[in-house]
Structure formats: structure tokens, C-alpha cells
Amino acid sequence: MQRLRRPAAGAAREAEVACAKSIVTTLAKRAYRRPVATDELASLMSLYEAGRKEGNFEKGVENGLRLILANPK
């Protein structure tokens, strides 16, 4: 099993986004028990972006996770 980690402090914005996408995709695949559709991933990542803007990396991932848990399909 792959361990999901936050990017190193001071990582470039692109690295944070890539890491968040990896985390959200992995968690969604596990919750949905199928591959994640492109539109679903876009919704999850928009929640990540909103959380990132209002808080930090963790808040962004938390926002995506909330949707996954609230609507596991």
C-alpha cells in the first residue's frame, strides 16, 4: 500500500497540487470502489483549491475528503 504524504514545507505550488490530486484520487477510488471519473475529480479538486485558498494544504485535502465521505456513491 502506498503511503500518502504531504509535500515538503516550501514545496512549489505545482507539487502541492500534484500531491493533493494523488491523495484525493486514491481516497476516492477506495471509497467509490471504482476509477474516479474526470468530472468527479474536477469537483474534488475544486474543493481542494477552495480549502487551500481559505486555509492551507491540509484544509484543501480535508474539503475533498468531506465530499468523498458524504457521497461515497
Protein backbone atom coordinates (compact mmCIF):
# COMPACT_ATOMS: atom_id res chain seq x y z
CA MET A 1 0.00 0.00 0.00
CA GLN A 2 1.31 3.43 -0.94
CA ARG A 3 1.72 5.90 1.89
CA LEU A 4 0.12 9.27 1.23
CA ARG A 5 2.18 12.24 2.38
CA ARG A 6 2.03 15.99 2.38
CA PRO A 7 4.67 17.67 0.22
CA ALA A 8 7.72 19.09 1.98
CA ALA A 9 7.42 22.52 3.56
CA GLY A 10 8.14 25.20 0.98
CA ALA A 11 7.28 22.91 -1.95
CA ALA A 12 6.25 24.61 -5.16
CA ARG A 13 2.54 25.17 -5.71
CA GLU A 14 2.55 22.66 -8.57
CA ALA A 15 4.00 20.00 -6.27
CA GLU A 16 1.26 20.64 -3.71
CA VAL A 17 -1.47 20.38 -6.33
CA ALA A 18 0.00 17.14 -7.72
CA CYS A 19 0.23 15.70 -4.21
CA ALA A 20 -3.34 16.72 -3.37
CA LYS A 21 -4.58 15.19 -6.63
CA SER A 22 -2.82 11.93 -5.81
CA ILE A 23 -4.29 11.83 -2.30
CA VAL A 24 -7.82 12.74 -3.39
CA THR A 25 -7.76 10.29 -6.31
CA THR A 26 -6.51 7.42 -4.13
CA LEU A 27 -9.10 8.05 -1.42
CA ALA A 28 -11.94 8.45 -3.93
CA LYS A 29 -11.01 5.19 -5.70
CA ARG A 30 -11.11 3.37 -2.39
CA ALA A 31 -14.40 4.95 -1.30
CA TYR A 32 -16.12 4.57 -4.68
CA ARG A 33 -14.57 1.12 -5.36
CA ARG A 34 -14.02 2.09 -8.98
CA PRO A 35 -11.93 4.51 -11.03
CA VAL A 36 -12.75 8.17 -10.47
CA ALA A 37 -14.45 9.93 -13.38
CA THR A 38 -12.84 13.08 -14.75
CA ASP A 39 -15.77 15.28 -13.69
CA GLU A 40 -15.72 13.81 -10.17
CA LEU A 41 -12.01 14.52 -9.84
CA ALA A 42 -12.58 18.06 -11.11
CA SER A 43 -15.21 18.62 -8.39
CA LEU A 44 -12.94 17.22 -5.71
CA MET A 45 -10.01 19.32 -6.84
CA SER A 46 -12.14 22.48 -6.94
CA LEU A 47 -12.97 21.82 -3.29
CA TYR A 48 -9.27 21.33 -2.61
CA GLU A 49 -8.49 24.67 -4.27
CA ALA A 50 -11.18 26.45 -2.24
CA GLY A 51 -9.85 25.00 1.01
CA ARG A 52 -6.27 25.80 0.02
CA LYS A 53 -7.19 29.43 -0.58
CA GLU A 54 -9.00 29.81 2.74
CA GLY A 55 -6.51 27.83 4.78
CA ASN A 56 -3.67 25.57 3.76
CA PHE A 57 -2.82 22.29 2.05
CA GLU A 58 -4.46 20.19 4.79
CA LYS A 59 -7.66 22.24 4.69
CA GLY A 60 -7.85 21.74 0.94
CA VAL A 61 -7.46 17.96 1.18
CA GLU A 62 -9.96 17.92 4.04
CA ASN A 63 -12.54 19.65 1.83
CA GLY A 64 -12.15 16.98 -0.85
CA LEU A 65 -12.31 14.23 1.74
CA ARG A 66 -15.53 15.64 3.16
CA LEU A 67 -17.24 15.28 -0.22
CA ILE A 68 -15.92 11.74 -0.67
CA LEU A 69 -17.20 10.69 2.75
CA ALA A 70 -20.52 12.49 2.40
CA ASN A 71 -21.21 10.95 -1.02
CA PRO A 72 -19.33 7.63 -1.39
CA LYS A 73 -21.55 6.57 -4.32
